[in-house]
Each structure stands twice: as structure tokens, then as C-alpha cells.
Amino acid sequence: MRITSKGQVTIPQAVRDELGLLPNTEVVFSIERGAAVIRPKSGPRTRGQRIAAHLKEHGKKMRMSSRELLALLRDEPDELDAR
């Protein structure tokens, strides 16, 4: 692995998975005992909490009622056409 001229490096997928680093996760770098350490900035959260926060921040608003959504999931076109 190499550091680019801009100081960038790709974090291996296995490391991202282990730390739960999703796209747009803010991280903090520190030096501990002569080694670089990377941690998520926001503190310890579960992977599910990080995914939910990401979806809340970047997800699109649902413009369907719960009845319309259920009709869609059940493949009931009459309910959707009534809209």
C-alpha cells in the first residue's frame, strides 16, 4: 500500500468492516506508541446505529402512505391506482 502525493491512502475493506467505517464517517487520527491510529470521530456506536444515522442524513423522504406502501409490497395495483 502506498500513500499518494496528496497524503491519501485506501483503507482496506477488512479494516473498514472491523471498525464499522461507512462512507462519510468522520475519523480521528492519533499517534500511540509510535503508530498511527484511526478511530471513528463520533465515539462507540453499533454498525446498525451508524447505518440508521447515515440513512436519516442522506435518505429521501417517503412520499407514500403506509397503506400505499403495503399495497406496493403486496402487489395490489388497485390500491395504488386509487391514489
C-alpha atoms as a PDB file:
ATOM      1  CA  MET A   1       0.000   0.000   0.000  1.00  0.00           C
ATOM      2  CA  ARG A   2       1.263   3.463  -0.891  1.00  0.00           C
ATOM      3  CA  ILE A   3       0.488   6.993   0.245  1.00  0.00           C
ATOM      4  CA  THR A   4      -0.330   9.319  -2.669  1.00  0.00           C
ATOM      5  CA  SER A   5       1.334  12.693  -3.198  1.00  0.00           C
ATOM      6  CA  LYS A   6      -1.761  14.227  -1.549  1.00  0.00           C
ATOM      7  CA  GLY A   7      -1.308  12.064   1.571  1.00  0.00           C
ATOM      8  CA  GLN A   8      -4.197   9.754   0.707  1.00  0.00           C
ATOM      9  CA  VAL A   9      -4.346   6.026   1.316  1.00  0.00           C
ATOM     10  CA  THR A  10      -7.099   3.461   0.791  1.00  0.00           C
ATOM     11  CA  ILE A  11      -8.232   1.784   3.993  1.00  0.00           C
ATOM     12  CA  PRO A  12      -8.582  -1.947   3.285  1.00  0.00           C
ATOM     13  CA  GLN A  13     -12.168  -3.274   3.291  1.00  0.00           C
ATOM     14  CA  ALA A  14     -11.440  -5.727   6.120  1.00  0.00           C
ATOM     15  CA  VAL A  15     -10.238  -2.861   8.337  1.00  0.00           C
ATOM     16  CA  ARG A  16     -13.258  -0.684   7.425  1.00  0.00           C
ATOM     17  CA  ASP A  17     -15.572  -3.589   8.228  1.00  0.00           C
ATOM     18  CA  GLU A  18     -13.880  -4.294  11.560  1.00  0.00           C
ATOM     19  CA  LEU A  19     -14.109  -0.628  12.605  1.00  0.00           C
ATOM     20  CA  GLY A  20     -17.553  -0.096  11.075  1.00  0.00           C
ATOM     21  CA  LEU A  21     -16.308   2.758   8.883  1.00  0.00           C
ATOM     22  CA  LEU A  22     -19.036   3.590   6.370  1.00  0.00           C
ATOM     23  CA  PRO A  23     -18.785   6.186   3.604  1.00  0.00           C
ATOM     24  CA  ASN A  24     -18.833   9.734   5.034  1.00  0.00           C
ATOM     25  CA  THR A  25     -17.796   8.536   8.514  1.00  0.00           C
ATOM     26  CA  GLU A  26     -15.664  11.164  10.209  1.00  0.00           C
ATOM     27  CA  VAL A  27     -12.478   9.762  11.714  1.00  0.00           C
ATOM     28  CA  VAL A  28      -9.775  10.918  14.101  1.00  0.00           C
ATOM     29  CA  PHE A  29      -6.093  10.098  13.701  1.00  0.00           C
ATOM     30  CA  SER A  30      -3.699   9.879  16.628  1.00  0.00           C
ATOM     31  CA  ILE A  31      -0.234   8.533  17.326  1.00  0.00           C
ATOM     32  CA  GLU A  32       0.046   5.893  20.020  1.00  0.00           C
ATOM     33  CA  ARG A  33       3.389   4.278  20.861  1.00  0.00           C
ATOM     34  CA  GLY A  34       4.817   5.400  17.528  1.00  0.00           C
ATOM     35  CA  ALA A  35       1.935   4.007  15.423  1.00  0.00           C
ATOM     36  CA  ALA A  36      -0.833   5.837  13.585  1.00  0.00           C
ATOM     37  CA  VAL A  37      -4.290   5.016  14.950  1.00  0.00           C
ATOM     38  CA  ILE A  38      -7.615   5.741  13.228  1.00  0.00           C
ATOM     39  CA  ARG A  39     -10.936   5.845  15.096  1.00  0.00           C
ATOM     40  CA  PRO A  40     -14.475   6.928  14.253  1.00  0.00           C
ATOM     41  CA  LYS A  41     -14.904  10.502  15.499  1.00  0.00           C
ATOM     42  CA  SER A  42     -18.372  10.146  16.992  1.00  0.00           C
ATOM     43  CA  GLY A  43     -17.468   7.535  19.573  1.00  0.00           C
ATOM     44  CA  PRO A  44     -18.617   3.973  20.003  1.00  0.00           C
ATOM     45  CA  ARG A  45     -21.849   3.192  18.138  1.00  0.00           C
ATOM     46  CA  THR A  46     -23.059  -0.065  16.712  1.00  0.00           C
ATOM     47  CA  ARG A  47     -22.959  -0.673  12.977  1.00  0.00           C
ATOM     48  CA  GLY A  48     -26.772  -0.546  12.927  1.00  0.00           C
ATOM     49  CA  GLN A  49     -26.760   2.868  14.622  1.00  0.00           C
ATOM     50  CA  ARG A  50     -24.274   4.196  12.080  1.00  0.00           C
ATOM     51  CA  ILE A  51     -26.335   2.853   9.166  1.00  0.00           C
ATOM     52  CA  ALA A  52     -29.541   4.358  10.577  1.00  0.00           C
ATOM     53  CA  ALA A  53     -27.850   7.732  11.089  1.00  0.00           C
ATOM     54  CA  HIS A  54     -26.477   7.622   7.543  1.00  0.00           C
ATOM     55  CA  LEU A  55     -29.915   6.850   6.110  1.00  0.00           C
ATOM     56  CA  LYS A  56     -31.542   9.610   8.160  1.00  0.00           C
ATOM     57  CA  GLU A  57     -28.992  12.104   6.915  1.00  0.00           C
ATOM     58  CA  HIS A  58     -28.928  11.042   3.266  1.00  0.00           C
ATOM     59  CA  GLY A  59     -32.200   9.186   2.677  1.00  0.00           C
ATOM     60  CA  LYS A  60     -35.062  10.521   0.611  1.00  0.00           C
ATOM     61  CA  LYS A  61     -38.381  11.352   2.227  1.00  0.00           C
ATOM     62  CA  MET A  62     -41.079   8.756   1.838  1.00  0.00           C
ATOM     63  CA  ARG A  63     -43.931  10.238  -0.154  1.00  0.00           C
ATOM     64  CA  MET A  64     -46.211   7.239   0.234  1.00  0.00           C
ATOM     65  CA  SER A  65     -48.730   6.499   2.929  1.00  0.00           C
ATOM     66  CA  SER A  66     -48.284   3.269   4.849  1.00  0.00           C
ATOM     67  CA  ARG A  67     -51.383   1.894   3.070  1.00  0.00           C
ATOM     68  CA  GLU A  68     -49.860   2.669  -0.337  1.00  0.00           C
ATOM     69  CA  LEU A  69     -46.545   1.122   0.685  1.00  0.00           C
ATOM     70  CA  LEU A  70     -48.245  -2.073   1.849  1.00  0.00           C
ATOM     71  CA  ALA A  71     -50.221  -2.224  -1.415  1.00  0.00           C
ATOM     72  CA  LEU A  72     -46.975  -1.908  -3.331  1.00  0.00           C
ATOM     73  CA  LEU A  73     -45.352  -4.671  -1.305  1.00  0.00           C
ATOM     74  CA  ARG A  74     -48.403  -6.899  -1.748  1.00  0.00           C
ATOM     75  CA  ASP A  75     -48.560  -6.138  -5.465  1.00  0.00           C
ATOM     76  CA  GLU A  76     -52.086  -4.659  -5.240  1.00  0.00           C
ATOM     77  CA  PRO A  77     -52.287  -2.246  -8.220  1.00  0.00           C
ATOM     78  CA  ASP A  78     -55.900  -1.177  -7.468  1.00  0.00           C
ATOM     79  CA  GLU A  79     -54.848   0.475  -4.204  1.00  0.00           C
ATOM     80  CA  LEU A  80     -52.036   2.333  -5.956  1.00  0.00           C
ATOM     81  CA  ASP A  81     -54.309   3.467  -8.808  1.00  0.00           C
ATOM     82  CA  ALA A  82     -56.753   4.974  -6.282  1.00  0.00           C
ATOM     83  CA  ARG A  83     -54.046   7.489  -5.466  1.00  0.00           C
END
